[in-house]
PDB file of N, CA and C in Angstrom:
ATOM      1  N   MET A   1      47.438-117.226 201.767  1.00  0.00           N
ATOM      2  CA  MET A   1      47.865-116.037 201.094  1.00  0.00           C
ATOM      3  C   MET A   1      47.535-116.076 199.608  1.00  0.00           C
ATOM      4  N   ASP A   2      46.931-117.146 199.105  1.00  0.00           N
ATOM      5  CA  ASP A   2      46.620-117.245 197.690  1.00  0.00           C
ATOM      6  C   ASP A   2      45.697-116.128 197.233  1.00  0.00           C
ATOM      7  N   ASP A   3      44.771-115.696 198.092  1.00  0.00           N
ATOM      8  CA  ASP A   3      43.835-114.648 197.718  1.00  0.00           C
ATOM      9  C   ASP A   3      44.511-113.281 197.654  1.00  0.00           C
ATOM     10  N   GLU A   4      45.720-113.167 198.151  1.00  0.00           N
ATOM     11  CA  GLU A   4      46.442-111.907 198.151  1.00  0.00           C
ATOM     12  C   GLU A   4      47.676-111.978 197.248  1.00  0.00           C
ATOM     13  N   TYR A   5      47.617-112.768 196.222  1.00  0.00           N
ATOM     14  CA  TYR A   5      48.774-113.000 195.360  1.00  0.00           C
ATOM     15  C   TYR A   5      49.330-111.701 194.791  1.00  0.00           C
ATOM     16  N   TYR A   6      48.461-110.799 194.377  1.00  0.00           N
ATOM     17  CA  TYR A   6      48.901-109.556 193.769  1.00  0.00           C
ATOM     18  C   TYR A   6      48.924-108.380 194.746  1.00  0.00           C
ATOM     19  N   SER A   7      48.718-108.645 196.013  1.00  0.00           N
ATOM     20  CA  SER A   7      48.689-107.590 197.018  1.00  0.00           C
ATOM     21  C   SER A   7      50.110-107.117 197.338  1.00  0.00           C
ATOM     22  N   LEU A   8      50.345-105.823 197.182  1.00  0.00           N
ATOM     23  CA  LEU A   8      51.653-105.265 197.492  1.00  0.00           C
ATOM     24  C   LEU A   8      52.000-105.463 198.963  1.00  0.00           C
ATOM     25  N   ASP A   9      51.006-105.296 199.851  1.00  0.00           N
ATOM     26  CA  ASP A   9      51.257-105.505 201.283  1.00  0.00           C
ATOM     27  C   ASP A   9      51.652-106.942 201.574  1.00  0.00           C
ATOM     28  N   ALA A  10      51.023-107.908 200.899  1.00  0.00           N
ATOM     29  CA  ALA A  10      51.372-109.319 201.100  1.00  0.00           C
ATOM     30  C   ALA A  10      52.791-109.604 200.614  1.00  0.00           C
ATOM     31  N   ILE A  11      53.150-109.020 199.477  1.00  0.00           N
ATOM     32  CA  ILE A  11      54.510-109.219 198.953  1.00  0.00           C
ATOM     33  C   ILE A  11      55.535-108.653 199.924  1.00  0.00           C
ATOM     34  N   LEU A  12      55.281-107.448 200.433  1.00  0.00           N
ATOM     35  CA  LEU A  12      56.208-106.838 201.383  1.00  0.00           C
ATOM     36  C   LEU A  12      56.249-107.612 202.695  1.00  0.00           C
ATOM     37  N   ALA A  13      55.112-108.116 203.137  1.00  0.00           N
ATOM     38  CA  ALA A  13      55.069-108.900 204.379  1.00  0.00           C
ATOM     39  C   ALA A  13      55.846-110.203 204.232  1.00  0.00           C
ATOM     40  N   GLU A  14      55.789-110.814 203.057  1.00  0.00           N
ATOM     41  CA  GLU A  14      56.511-112.074 202.844  1.00  0.00           C
ATOM     42  C   GLU A  14      58.018-111.887 202.862  1.00  0.00           C
ATOM     43  N   ASN A  15      58.487-110.665 202.722  1.00  0.00           N
ATOM     44  CA  ASN A  15      59.920-110.394 202.771  1.00  0.00           C
ATOM     45  C   ASN A  15      60.403-110.041 204.166  1.00  0.00           C
ATOM     46  N   GLN A  16      59.500-109.988 205.147  1.00  0.00           N
ATOM     47  CA  GLN A  16      59.909-109.761 206.532  1.00  0.00           C
ATOM     48  C   GLN A  16      60.739-110.963 206.991  1.00  0.00           C
ATOM     49  N   LYS A  17      61.693-110.706 207.854  1.00  0.00           N
ATOM     50  CA  LYS A  17      62.614-111.761 208.299  1.00  0.00           C
ATOM     51  C   LYS A  17      62.090-112.471 209.544  1.00  0.00           C
ATOM     52  N   ILE A  18      62.378-113.771 209.592  1.00  0.00           N
ATOM     53  CA  ILE A  18      62.063-114.619 210.739  1.00  0.00           C
ATOM     54  C   ILE A  18      63.356-115.310 211.151  1.00  0.00           C
ATOM     55  N   GLU A  19      63.681-115.246 212.457  1.00  0.00           N
ATOM     56  CA  GLU A  19      64.883-115.933 212.924  1.00  0.00           C
ATOM     57  C   GLU A  19      64.592-117.417 213.075  1.00  0.00           C
ATOM     58  N   CYS A  20      65.308-118.212 212.317  1.00  0.00           N
ATOM     59  CA  CYS A  20      65.153-119.671 212.363  1.00  0.00           C
ATOM     60  C   CYS A  20      66.419-120.296 212.932  1.00  0.00           C
ATOM     61  N   THR A  21      66.239-121.340 213.718  1.00  0.00           N
ATOM     62  CA  THR A  21      67.357-122.122 214.238  1.00  0.00           C
ATOM     63  C   THR A  21      67.250-123.512 213.635  1.00  0.00           C
ATOM     64  N   PHE A  22      68.286-123.936 212.956  1.00  0.00           N
ATOM     65  CA  PHE A  22      68.250-125.225 212.278  1.00  0.00           C
ATOM     66  C   PHE A  22      68.453-126.368 213.261  1.00  0.00           C
ATOM     67  N   ASN A  23      67.624-127.384 213.127  1.00  0.00           N
ATOM     68  CA  ASN A  23      67.655-128.549 214.016  1.00  0.00           C
ATOM     69  C   ASN A  23      68.655-129.599 213.560  1.00  0.00           C
ATOM     70  N   ILE A  24      68.956-129.610 212.291  1.00  0.00           N
ATOM     71  CA  ILE A  24      69.829-130.638 211.711  1.00  0.00           C
ATOM     72  C   ILE A  24      70.820-129.993 210.756  1.00  0.00           C
ATOM     73  N   ASP A  25      71.841-130.746 210.384  1.00  0.00           N
ATOM     74  CA  ASP A  25      72.731-130.305 209.315  1.00  0.00           C
ATOM     75  C   ASP A  25      71.976-130.444 207.998  1.00  0.00           C
ATOM     76  N   VAL A  26      72.002-129.390 207.189  1.00  0.00           N
ATOM     77  CA  VAL A  26      71.300-129.426 205.905  1.00  0.00           C
ATOM     78  C   VAL A  26      72.341-129.288 204.794  1.00  0.00           C
ATOM     79  N   PRO A  27      72.541-130.360 204.022  1.00  0.00           N
ATOM     80  CA  PRO A  27      73.552-130.312 202.965  1.00  0.00           C
ATOM     81  C   PRO A  27      73.181-129.325 201.855  1.00  0.00           C
ATOM     82  N   GLY A  28      74.185-128.604 201.391  1.00  0.00           N
ATOM     83  CA  GLY A  28      74.023-127.735 200.240  1.00  0.00           C
ATOM     84  C   GLY A  28      73.414-126.372 200.499  1.00  0.00           C
ATOM     85  N   LEU A  29      73.096-126.038 201.748  1.00  0.00           N
ATOM     86  CA  LEU A  29      72.481-124.736 202.029  1.00  0.00           C
ATOM     87  C   LEU A  29      73.406-123.794 202.791  1.00  0.00           C
ATOM     88  N   GLY A  30      74.680-124.081 202.810  1.00  0.00           N
ATOM     89  CA  GLY A  30      75.634-123.228 203.511  1.00  0.00           C
ATOM     90  C   GLY A  30      75.660-121.804 202.996  1.00  0.00           C
ATOM     91  N   TYR A  31      75.307-121.604 201.743  1.00  0.00           N
ATOM     92  CA  TYR A  31      75.316-120.259 201.168  1.00  0.00           C
ATOM     93  C   TYR A  31      74.315-119.327 201.857  1.00  0.00           C
ATOM     94  N   LEU A  32      73.300-119.887 202.509  1.00  0.00           N
ATOM     95  CA  LEU A  32      72.338-119.049 203.228  1.00  0.00           C
ATOM     96  C   LEU A  32      72.992-118.317 204.394  1.00  0.00           C
ATOM     97  N   ASP A  33      74.061-118.886 204.920  1.00  0.00           N
ATOM     98  CA  ASP A  33      74.771-118.307 206.062  1.00  0.00           C
ATOM     99  C   ASP A  33      75.953-117.456 205.612  1.00  0.00           C
ATOM    100  N   ASN A  34      76.093-117.232 204.309  1.00  0.00           N
ATOM    101  CA  ASN A  34      77.216-116.473 203.749  1.00  0.00           C
ATOM    102  C   ASN A  34      78.562-117.033 204.183  1.00  0.00           C
ATOM    103  N   GLY A  35      78.585-118.319 204.478  1.00  0.00           N
ATOM    104  CA  GLY A  35      79.819-118.943 204.936  1.00  0.00           C
ATOM    105  C   GLY A  35      80.527-119.674 203.819  1.00  0.00           C
ATOM    106  N   THR A  36      81.662-120.231 204.178  1.00  0.00           N
ATOM    107  CA  THR A  36      82.434-120.988 203.199  1.00  0.00           C
ATOM    108  C   THR A  36      82.043-122.459 203.209  1.00  0.00           C
ATOM    109  N   ASP A  37      81.328-122.887 204.257  1.00  0.00           N
ATOM    110  CA  ASP A  37      80.892-124.277 204.321  1.00  0.00           C
ATOM    111  C   ASP A  37      79.800-124.525 203.297  1.00  0.00           C
ATOM    112  N   GLU A  38      79.839-125.710 202.726  1.00  0.00           N
ATOM    113  CA  GLU A  38      78.808-126.084 201.756  1.00  0.00           C
ATOM    114  C   GLU A  38      77.503-126.435 202.463  1.00  0.00           C
ATOM    115  N   ASP A  39      77.615-126.970 203.686  1.00  0.00           N
ATOM    116  CA  ASP A  39      76.439-127.411 204.424  1.00  0.00           C
ATOM    117  C   ASP A  39      76.084-126.415 205.527  1.00  0.00           C
ATOM    118  N   LEU A  40      74.824-126.407 205.888  1.00  0.00           N
ATOM    119  CA  LEU A  40      74.341-125.586 206.995  1.00  0.00           C
ATOM    120  C   LEU A  40      74.312-126.481 208.227  1.00  0.00           C
ATOM    121  N   LYS A  41      74.991-126.082 209.275  1.00  0.00           N
ATOM    122  CA  LYS A  41      75.138-126.905 210.477  1.00  0.00           C
ATOM    123  C   LYS A  41      73.938-126.751 211.416  1.00  0.00           C
ATOM    124  N   ALA A  42      73.678-127.804 212.187  1.00  0.00           N
ATOM    125  CA  ALA A  42      72.627-127.757 213.211  1.00  0.00           C
ATOM    126  C   ALA A  42      72.942-126.645 214.212  1.00  0.00           C
ATOM    127  N   LEU A  43      71.909-126.050 214.760  1.00  0.00           N
ATOM    128  CA  LEU A  43      71.959-124.959 215.735  1.00  0.00           C
ATOM    129  C   LEU A  43      72.387-123.615 215.135  1.00  0.00           C
ATOM    130  N   THR A  44      72.517-123.556 213.813  1.00  0.00           N
ATOM    131  CA  THR A  44      72.801-122.281 213.150  1.00  0.00           C
ATOM    132  C   THR A  44      71.547-121.431 213.187  1.00  0.00           C
ATOM    133  N   LYS A  45      71.702-120.160 213.563  1.00  0.00           N
ATOM    134  CA  LYS A  45      70.575-119.225 213.572  1.00  0.00           C
ATOM    135  C   LYS A  45      70.712-118.302 212.371  1.00  0.00           C
ATOM    136  N   LEU A  46      69.620-118.195 211.625  1.00  0.00           N
ATOM    137  CA  LEU A  46      69.603-117.337 210.441  1.00  0.00           C
ATOM    138  C   LEU A  46      68.330-116.521 210.380  1.00  0.00           C
ATOM    139  N   GLN A  47      68.435-115.336 209.841  1.00  0.00           N
ATOM    140  CA  GLN A  47      67.265-114.525 209.533  1.00  0.00           C
ATOM    141  C   GLN A  47      66.835-114.892 208.116  1.00  0.00           C
ATOM    142  N   LEU A  48      65.702-115.546 207.989  1.00  0.00           N
ATOM    143  CA  LEU A  48      65.200-115.957 206.682  1.00  0.00           C
ATOM    144  C   LEU A  48      63.954-115.155 206.328  1.00  0.00           C
ATOM    145  N   PRO A  49      63.765-114.848 205.056  1.00  0.00           N
ATOM    146  CA  PRO A  49      62.517-114.183 204.677  1.00  0.00           C
ATOM    147  C   PRO A  49      61.347-115.136 204.893  1.00  0.00           C
ATOM    148  N   TYR A  50      60.190-114.570 205.203  1.00  0.00           N
ATOM    149  CA  TYR A  50      59.021-115.407 205.477  1.00  0.00           C
ATOM    150  C   TYR A  50      58.766-116.415 204.362  1.00  0.00           C
ATOM    151  N   TRP A  51      58.907-116.007 203.109  1.00  0.00           N
ATOM    152  CA  TRP A  51      58.563-116.897 202.002  1.00  0.00           C
ATOM    153  C   TRP A  51      59.413-118.164 201.980  1.00  0.00           C
ATOM    154  N   LEU A  52      60.596-118.134 202.593  1.00  0.00           N
ATOM    155  CA  LEU A  52      61.451-119.316 202.650  1.00  0.00           C
ATOM    156  C   LEU A  52      61.256-120.122 203.936  1.00  0.00           C
ATOM    157  N   ALA A  53      60.863-119.456 204.992  1.00  0.00           N
ATOM    158  CA  ALA A  53      60.761-120.101 206.304  1.00  0.00           C
ATOM    159  C   ALA A  53      59.796-121.284 206.351  1.00  0.00           C
ATOM    160  N   PRO A  54      58.576-121.214 205.782  1.00  0.00           N
ATOM    161  CA  PRO A  54      57.673-122.366 205.895  1.00  0.00           C
ATOM    162  C   PRO A  54      58.260-123.663 205.354  1.00  0.00           C
ATOM    163  N   THR A  55      59.022-123.578 204.290  1.00  0.00           N
ATOM    164  CA  THR A  55      59.653-124.782 203.732  1.00  0.00           C
ATOM    165  C   THR A  55      60.581-125.421 204.759  1.00  0.00           C
ATOM    166  N   MET A  56      61.380-124.612 205.418  1.00  0.00           N
ATOM    167  CA  MET A  56      62.324-125.112 206.424  1.00  0.00           C
ATOM    168  C   MET A  56      61.586-125.640 207.656  1.00  0.00           C
ATOM    169  N   LEU A  57      60.508-124.956 208.042  1.00  0.00           N
ATOM    170  CA  LEU A  57      59.775-125.344 209.250  1.00  0.00           C
ATOM    171  C   LEU A  57      58.967-126.616 209.036  1.00  0.00           C
ATOM    172  N   TYR A  58      58.260-126.706 207.921  1.00  0.00           N
ATOM    173  CA  TYR A  58      57.410-127.876 207.679  1.00  0.00           C
ATOM    174  C   TYR A  58      58.231-129.134 207.418  1.00  0.00           C
ATOM    175  N   ALA A  59      59.444-128.957 206.930  1.00  0.00           N
ATOM    176  CA  ALA A  59      60.337-130.100 206.745  1.00  0.00           C
ATOM    177  C   ALA A  59      61.025-130.465 208.065  1.00  0.00           C
ATOM    178  N   THR A  60      60.726-129.735 209.112  1.00  0.00           N
ATOM    179  CA  THR A  60      61.310-129.864 210.456  1.00  0.00           C
ATOM    180  C   THR A  60      62.828-129.709 210.452  1.00  0.00           C
ATOM    181  N   TRP A  61      63.335-128.992 209.467  1.00  0.00           N
ATOM    182  CA  TRP A  61      64.765-128.697 209.437  1.00  0.00           C
ATOM    183  C   TRP A  61      65.098-127.605 210.442  1.00  0.00           C
ATOM    184  N   ALA A  62      64.102-126.775 210.756  1.00  0.00           N
ATOM    185  CA  ALA A  62      64.354-125.626 211.619  1.00  0.00           C
ATOM    186  C   ALA A  62      63.121-125.292 212.442  1.00  0.00           C
ATOM    187  N   GLY A  63      63.347-124.551 213.492  1.00  0.00           N
ATOM    188  CA  GLY A  63      62.282-123.962 214.284  1.00  0.00           C
ATOM    189  C   GLY A  63      62.442-122.459 214.197  1.00  0.00           C
ATOM    190  N   PHE A  64      61.478-121.704 214.713  1.00  0.00           N
ATOM    191  CA  PHE A  64      61.640-120.256 214.643  1.00  0.00           C
ATOM    192  C   PHE A  64      61.246-119.597 215.952  1.00  0.00           C
ATOM    193  N   ASN A  65      61.841-118.439 216.178  1.00  0.00           N
ATOM    194  CA  ASN A  65      61.502-117.604 217.325  1.00  0.00           C
ATOM    195  C   ASN A  65      60.449-116.604 216.868  1.00  0.00           C
ATOM    196  N   MET A  66      59.560-116.253 217.771  1.00  0.00           N
ATOM    197  CA  MET A  66      58.528-115.276 217.450  1.00  0.00           C
ATOM    198  C   MET A  66      59.201-113.977 217.004  1.00  0.00           C
ATOM    199  N   PRO A  67      58.838-113.461 215.851  1.00  0.00           N
ATOM    200  CA  PRO A  67      59.438-112.199 215.396  1.00  0.00           C
ATOM    201  C   PRO A  67      59.167-111.067 216.387  1.00  0.00           C
ATOM    202  N   ARG A  68      60.094-110.145 216.480  1.00  0.00           N
ATOM    203  CA  ARG A  68      60.017-109.051 217.441  1.00  0.00           C
ATOM    204  C   ARG A  68      58.691-108.287 217.395  1.00  0.00           C
ATOM    205  N   PRO A  69      58.108-108.029 216.224  1.00  0.00           N
ATOM    206  CA  PRO A  69      56.844-107.287 216.222  1.00  0.00           C
ATOM    207  C   PRO A  69      55.674-108.021 216.891  1.00  0.00           C
ATOM    208  N   PHE A  70      55.872-109.291 217.249  1.00  0.00           N
ATOM    209  CA  PHE A  70      54.794-110.076 217.871  1.00  0.00           C
ATOM    210  C   PHE A  70      55.244-110.739 219.167  1.00  0.00           C
ATOM    211  N   ASN A  71      56.392-110.326 219.698  1.00  0.00           N
ATOM    212  CA  ASN A  71      56.908-110.980 220.905  1.00  0.00           C
ATOM    213  C   ASN A  71      56.059-110.635 222.127  1.00  0.00           C
ATOM    214  N   GLY A  72      56.422-111.195 223.256  1.00  0.00           N
ATOM    215  CA  GLY A  72      55.647-111.037 224.480  1.00  0.00           C
ATOM    216  C   GLY A  72      55.478-109.593 224.920  1.00  0.00           C
ATOM    217  N   VAL A  73      56.501-108.768 224.742  1.00  0.00           N
ATOM    218  CA  VAL A  73      56.422-107.364 225.152  1.00  0.00           C
ATOM    219  C   VAL A  73      55.341-106.651 224.341  1.00  0.00           C
ATOM    220  N   VAL A  74      55.346-106.860 223.033  1.00  0.00           N
ATOM    221  CA  VAL A  74      54.352-106.216 222.166  1.00  0.00           C
ATOM    222  C   VAL A  74      52.960-106.748 222.489  1.00  0.00           C
ATOM    223  N   GLN A  75      52.853-108.055 222.691  1.00  0.00           N
ATOM    224  CA  GLN A  75      51.549-108.644 222.999  1.00  0.00           C
ATOM    225  C   GLN A  75      50.986-108.071 224.303  1.00  0.00           C
ATOM    226  N   LYS A  76      51.829-107.940 225.327  1.00  0.00           N
ATOM    227  CA  LYS A  76      51.367-107.388 226.608  1.00  0.00           C
ATOM    228  C   LYS A  76      50.950-105.931 226.444  1.00  0.00           C
ATOM    229  N   ALA A  77      51.667-105.185 225.638  1.00  0.00           N
ATOM    230  CA  ALA A  77      51.320-103.786 225.408  1.00  0.00           C
ATOM    231  C   ALA A  77      49.979-103.667 224.697  1.00  0.00           C
ATOM    232  N   VAL A  78      49.730-104.539 223.731  1.00  0.00           N
ATOM    233  CA  VAL A  78      48.446-104.520 223.012  1.00  0.00           C
ATOM    234  C   VAL A  78      47.308-104.874 223.958  1.00  0.00           C
ATOM    235  N   ILE A  79      47.531-105.865 224.812  1.00  0.00           N
ATOM    236  CA  ILE A  79      46.497-106.261 225.772  1.00  0.00           C
ATOM    237  C   ILE A  79      46.212-105.114 226.739  1.00  0.00           C
ATOM    238  N   ALA A  80      47.266-104.434 227.205  1.00  0.00           N
ATOM    239  CA  ALA A  80      47.099-103.351 228.173  1.00  0.00           C
ATOM    240  C   ALA A  80      46.352-102.163 227.556  1.00  0.00           C
ATOM    241  N   GLU A  81      46.765-101.728 226.403  1.00  0.00           N
ATOM    242  CA  GLU A  81      46.127-100.579 225.743  1.00  0.00           C
ATOM    243  C   GLU A  81      46.472-100.607 224.260  1.00  0.00           C
ATOM    244  N   PRO A  82      45.615-101.203 223.445  1.00  0.00           N
ATOM    245  CA  PRO A  82      45.901-101.354 222.016  1.00  0.00           C
ATOM    246  C   PRO A  82      46.247-100.042 221.303  1.00  0.00           C
ATOM    247  N   ARG A  83      45.628 -98.945 221.702  1.00  0.00           N
ATOM    248  CA  ARG A  83      45.871 -97.669 221.025  1.00  0.00           C
ATOM    249  C   ARG A  83      47.246 -97.099 221.325  1.00  0.00           C
ATOM    250  N   SER A  84      47.916 -97.596 222.359  1.00  0.00           N
ATOM    251  CA  SER A  84      49.225 -97.052 222.729  1.00  0.00           C
ATOM    252  C   SER A  84      50.366 -97.653 221.902  1.00  0.00           C
ATOM    253  N   VAL A  85      50.111 -98.718 221.182  1.00  0.00           N
ATOM    254  CA  VAL A  85      51.158 -99.391 220.417  1.00  0.00           C
ATOM    255  C   VAL A  85      51.190 -98.814 219.008  1.00  0.00           C
ATOM    256  N   ARG A  86      52.350 -98.317 218.607  1.00  0.00           N
ATOM    257  CA  ARG A  86      52.514 -97.771 217.260  1.00  0.00           C
ATOM    258  C   ARG A  86      52.781 -98.930 216.298  1.00  0.00           C
ATOM    259  N   ILE A  87      51.712 -99.511 215.809  1.00  0.00           N
ATOM    260  CA  ILE A  87      51.791-100.691 214.944  1.00  0.00           C
ATOM    261  C   ILE A  87      52.643-100.418 213.711  1.00  0.00           C
ATOM    262  N   GLY A  88      52.486 -99.268 213.111  1.00  0.00           N
ATOM    263  CA  GLY A  88      53.228 -98.935 211.889  1.00  0.00           C
ATOM    264  C   GLY A  88      54.728 -98.928 212.090  1.00  0.00           C
ATOM    265  N   ALA A  89      55.191 -98.654 213.307  1.00  0.00           N
ATOM    266  CA  ALA A  89      56.621 -98.624 213.580  1.00  0.00           C
ATOM    267  C   ALA A  89      57.211-100.029 213.728  1.00  0.00           C
ATOM    268  N   LEU A  90      56.377-101.028 213.897  1.00  0.00           N
ATOM    269  CA  LEU A  90      56.871-102.390 214.135  1.00  0.00           C
ATOM    270  C   LEU A  90      57.266-103.108 212.846  1.00  0.00           C
ATOM    271  N   VAL A  91      56.474-102.984 211.805  1.00  0.00           N
ATOM    272  CA  VAL A  91      56.751-103.683 210.548  1.00  0.00           C
ATOM    273  C   VAL A  91      56.705-102.715 209.371  1.00  0.00           C
ATOM    274  N   GLY A  92      55.794-101.804 209.399  1.00  0.00           N
ATOM    275  CA  GLY A  92      55.620-100.854 208.312  1.00  0.00           C
ATOM    276  C   GLY A  92      54.176-100.396 208.285  1.00  0.00           C
ATOM    277  N   GLU A  93      53.963 -99.318 207.604  1.00  0.00           N
ATOM    278  CA  GLU A  93      52.623 -98.740 207.514  1.00  0.00           C
ATOM    279  C   GLU A  93      51.713 -99.586 206.636  1.00  0.00           C
ATOM    280  N   ASN A  94      50.492 -99.119 206.503  1.00  0.00           N
ATOM    281  CA  ASN A  94      49.499 -99.694 205.585  1.00  0.00           C
ATOM    282  C   ASN A  94      49.094-101.120 205.907  1.00  0.00           C
ATOM    283  N   GLY A  95      49.059-101.475 207.165  1.00  0.00           N
ATOM    284  CA  GLY A  95      48.540-102.780 207.544  1.00  0.00           C
ATOM    285  C   GLY A  95      49.499-103.944 207.406  1.00  0.00           C
ATOM    286  N   ARG A  96      50.772-103.679 207.177  1.00  0.00           N
ATOM    287  CA  ARG A  96      51.721-104.796 207.026  1.00  0.00           C
ATOM    288  C   ARG A  96      51.871-105.602 208.307  1.00  0.00           C
ATOM    289  N   TRP A  97      51.694-104.954 209.468  1.00  0.00           N
ATOM    290  CA  TRP A  97      51.786-105.683 210.740  1.00  0.00           C
ATOM    291  C   TRP A  97      50.714-106.756 210.789  1.00  0.00           C
ATOM    292  N   TYR A  98      49.508-106.427 210.357  1.00  0.00           N
ATOM    293  CA  TYR A  98      48.412-107.391 210.363  1.00  0.00           C
ATOM    294  C   TYR A  98      48.642-108.492 209.329  1.00  0.00           C
ATOM    295  N   THR A  99      49.093-108.106 208.147  1.00  0.00           N
ATOM    296  CA  THR A  99      49.348-109.097 207.093  1.00  0.00           C
ATOM    297  C   THR A  99      50.439-110.070 207.524  1.00  0.00           C
ATOM    298  N   PHE A 100      51.535-109.530 208.059  1.00  0.00           N
ATOM    299  CA  PHE A 100      52.625-110.373 208.536  1.00  0.00           C
ATOM    300  C   PHE A 100      52.143-111.225 209.713  1.00  0.00           C
ATOM    301  N   GLY A 101      51.337-110.641 210.588  1.00  0.00           N
ATOM    302  CA  GLY A 101      50.793-111.387 211.718  1.00  0.00           C
ATOM    303  C   GLY A 101      49.945-112.569 211.277  1.00  0.00           C
ATOM    304  N   LYS A 102      49.108-112.377 210.254  1.00  0.00           N
ATOM    305  CA  LYS A 102      48.304-113.483 209.728  1.00  0.00           C
ATOM    306  C   LYS A 102      49.202-114.595 209.195  1.00  0.00           C
ATOM    307  N   MET A 103      50.313-114.220 208.582  1.00  0.00           N
ATOM    308  CA  MET A 103      51.251-115.225 208.070  1.00  0.00           C
ATOM    309  C   MET A 103      51.895-115.999 209.217  1.00  0.00           C
ATOM    310  N   ILE A 104      52.249-115.297 210.281  1.00  0.00           N
ATOM    311  CA  ILE A 104      52.856-115.950 211.443  1.00  0.00           C
ATOM    312  C   ILE A 104      51.845-116.889 212.099  1.00  0.00           C
ATOM    313  N   VAL A 105      50.586-116.484 212.175  1.00  0.00           N
ATOM    314  CA  VAL A 105      49.533-117.345 212.734  1.00  0.00           C
ATOM    315  C   VAL A 105      49.493-118.671 211.985  1.00  0.00           C
ATOM    316  N   ASP A 106      49.671-118.630 210.668  1.00  0.00           N
ATOM    317  CA  ASP A 106      49.651-119.856 209.864  1.00  0.00           C
ATOM    318  C   ASP A 106      50.795-120.804 210.203  1.00  0.00           C
ATOM    319  N   LEU A 107      51.885-120.271 210.750  1.00  0.00           N
ATOM    320  CA  LEU A 107      53.039-121.112 211.100  1.00  0.00           C
ATOM    321  C   LEU A 107      52.939-121.717 212.491  1.00  0.00           C
ATOM    322  N   LEU A 108      52.079-121.175 213.334  1.00  0.00           N
ATOM    323  CA  LEU A 108      52.016-121.585 214.738  1.00  0.00           C
ATOM    324  C   LEU A 108      51.066-122.753 214.955  1.00  0.00           C
ATOM    325  N   SER A 109      51.272-123.455 216.069  1.00  0.00           N
ATOM    326  CA  SER A 109      50.348-124.505 216.474  1.00  0.00           C
ATOM    327  C   SER A 109      49.103-123.855 217.083  1.00  0.00           C
ATOM    328  N   ASP A 110      48.059-124.645 217.283  1.00  0.00           N
ATOM    329  CA  ASP A 110      46.747-124.105 217.653  1.00  0.00           C
ATOM    330  C   ASP A 110      46.725-123.156 218.853  1.00  0.00           C
ATOM    331  N   PRO A 111      47.264-123.499 220.024  1.00  0.00           N
ATOM    332  CA  PRO A 111      47.125-122.557 221.143  1.00  0.00           C
ATOM    333  C   PRO A 111      47.832-121.224 220.873  1.00  0.00           C
ATOM    334  N   GLN A 112      49.034-121.290 220.328  1.00  0.00           N
ATOM    335  CA  GLN A 112      49.775-120.068 220.029  1.00  0.00           C
ATOM    336  C   GLN A 112      49.116-119.289 218.899  1.00  0.00           C
ATOM    337  N   ALA A 113      48.611-119.997 217.903  1.00  0.00           N
ATOM    338  CA  ALA A 113      47.959-119.346 216.768  1.00  0.00           C
ATOM    339  C   ALA A 113      46.734-118.571 217.237  1.00  0.00           C
ATOM    340  N   LYS A 114      45.932-119.173 218.100  1.00  0.00           N
ATOM    341  CA  LYS A 114      44.735-118.499 218.602  1.00  0.00           C
ATOM    342  C   LYS A 114      45.115-117.278 219.424  1.00  0.00           C
ATOM    343  N   GLU A 115      46.142-117.410 220.244  1.00  0.00           N
ATOM    344  CA  GLU A 115      46.579-116.288 221.084  1.00  0.00           C
ATOM    345  C   GLU A 115      47.015-115.104 220.219  1.00  0.00           C
ATOM    346  N   LEU A 116      47.820-115.371 219.193  1.00  0.00           N
ATOM    347  CA  LEU A 116      48.280-114.286 218.325  1.00  0.00           C
ATOM    348  C   LEU A 116      47.121-113.720 217.505  1.00  0.00           C
ATOM    349  N   ALA A 117      46.224-114.581 217.036  1.00  0.00           N
ATOM    350  CA  ALA A 117      45.055-114.100 216.289  1.00  0.00           C
ATOM    351  C   ALA A 117      44.209-113.180 217.157  1.00  0.00           C
ATOM    352  N   ASP A 118      44.062-113.516 218.427  1.00  0.00           N
ATOM    353  CA  ASP A 118      43.307-112.664 219.349  1.00  0.00           C
ATOM    354  C   ASP A 118      43.992-111.315 219.539  1.00  0.00           C
ATOM    355  N   ILE A 119      45.315-111.316 219.604  1.00  0.00           N
ATOM    356  CA  ILE A 119      46.086-110.068 219.734  1.00  0.00           C
ATOM    357  C   ILE A 119      45.871-109.194 218.491  1.00  0.00           C
ATOM    358  N   LEU A 120      45.907-109.821 217.316  1.00  0.00           N
ATOM    359  CA  LEU A 120      45.691-109.074 216.074  1.00  0.00           C
ATOM    360  C   LEU A 120      44.291-108.435 216.053  1.00  0.00           C
ATOM    361  N   LYS A 121      43.298-109.198 216.493  1.00  0.00           N
ATOM    362  CA  LYS A 121      41.926-108.669 216.534  1.00  0.00           C
ATOM    363  C   LYS A 121      41.826-107.510 217.540  1.00  0.00           C
ATOM    364  N   LEU A 122      42.433-107.700 218.697  1.00  0.00           N
ATOM    365  CA  LEU A 122      42.389-106.668 219.730  1.00  0.00           C
ATOM    366  C   LEU A 122      43.049-105.376 219.239  1.00  0.00           C
ATOM    367  N   ALA A 123      44.178-105.515 218.549  1.00  0.00           N
ATOM    368  CA  ALA A 123      44.896-104.344 218.051  1.00  0.00           C
ATOM    369  C   ALA A 123      44.147-103.631 216.942  1.00  0.00           C
ATOM    370  N   SER A 124      43.290-104.345 216.233  1.00  0.00           N
ATOM    371  CA  SER A 124      42.575-103.720 215.111  1.00  0.00           C
ATOM    372  C   SER A 124      41.458-102.807 215.598  1.00  0.00           C
ATOM    373  N   GLY A 125      41.142-102.858 216.869  1.00  0.00           N
ATOM    374  CA  GLY A 125      40.132-101.963 217.428  1.00  0.00           C
ATOM    375  C   GLY A 125      38.778-102.650 217.556  1.00  0.00           C
ATOM    376  N   PRO A 126      37.831-101.918 218.105  1.00  0.00           N
ATOM    377  CA  PRO A 126      36.501-102.503 218.309  1.00  0.00           C
ATOM    378  C   PRO A 126      35.809-102.773 216.969  1.00  0.00           C
ATOM    379  N   ASP A 127      34.991-103.836 216.963  1.00  0.00           N
ATOM    380  CA  ASP A 127      34.306-104.216 215.724  1.00  0.00           C
ATOM    381  C   ASP A 127      33.225-103.245 215.351  1.00  0.00           C
TER     382      ASP A 127
END
């Protein structure tokens, strides 16, 4: 995303939420859950903005569920008929679905990343 530092779409995409489930107790991050506990407990599920999620994921503090705009239902719909999916209604207009999708691809392992990248290409229409 370095090449899109000043891109308004990239900034808006980075604020999209990702549901993360924490694998371990994390001291001092209880405020993320709006709770009274000082620590964040294992198995806590939180909606985190994309810009914060990679830090939690790469440190293996948390895992994440595929965001709704890219879940299996949406992927199957794109495969069946890309033109039938209202992409703008999923994340926002002006290509934010694609920008957010590229960010999610960066978080995934190779087989899943390729699958989602293929879905993004298919949804963008014929070359």
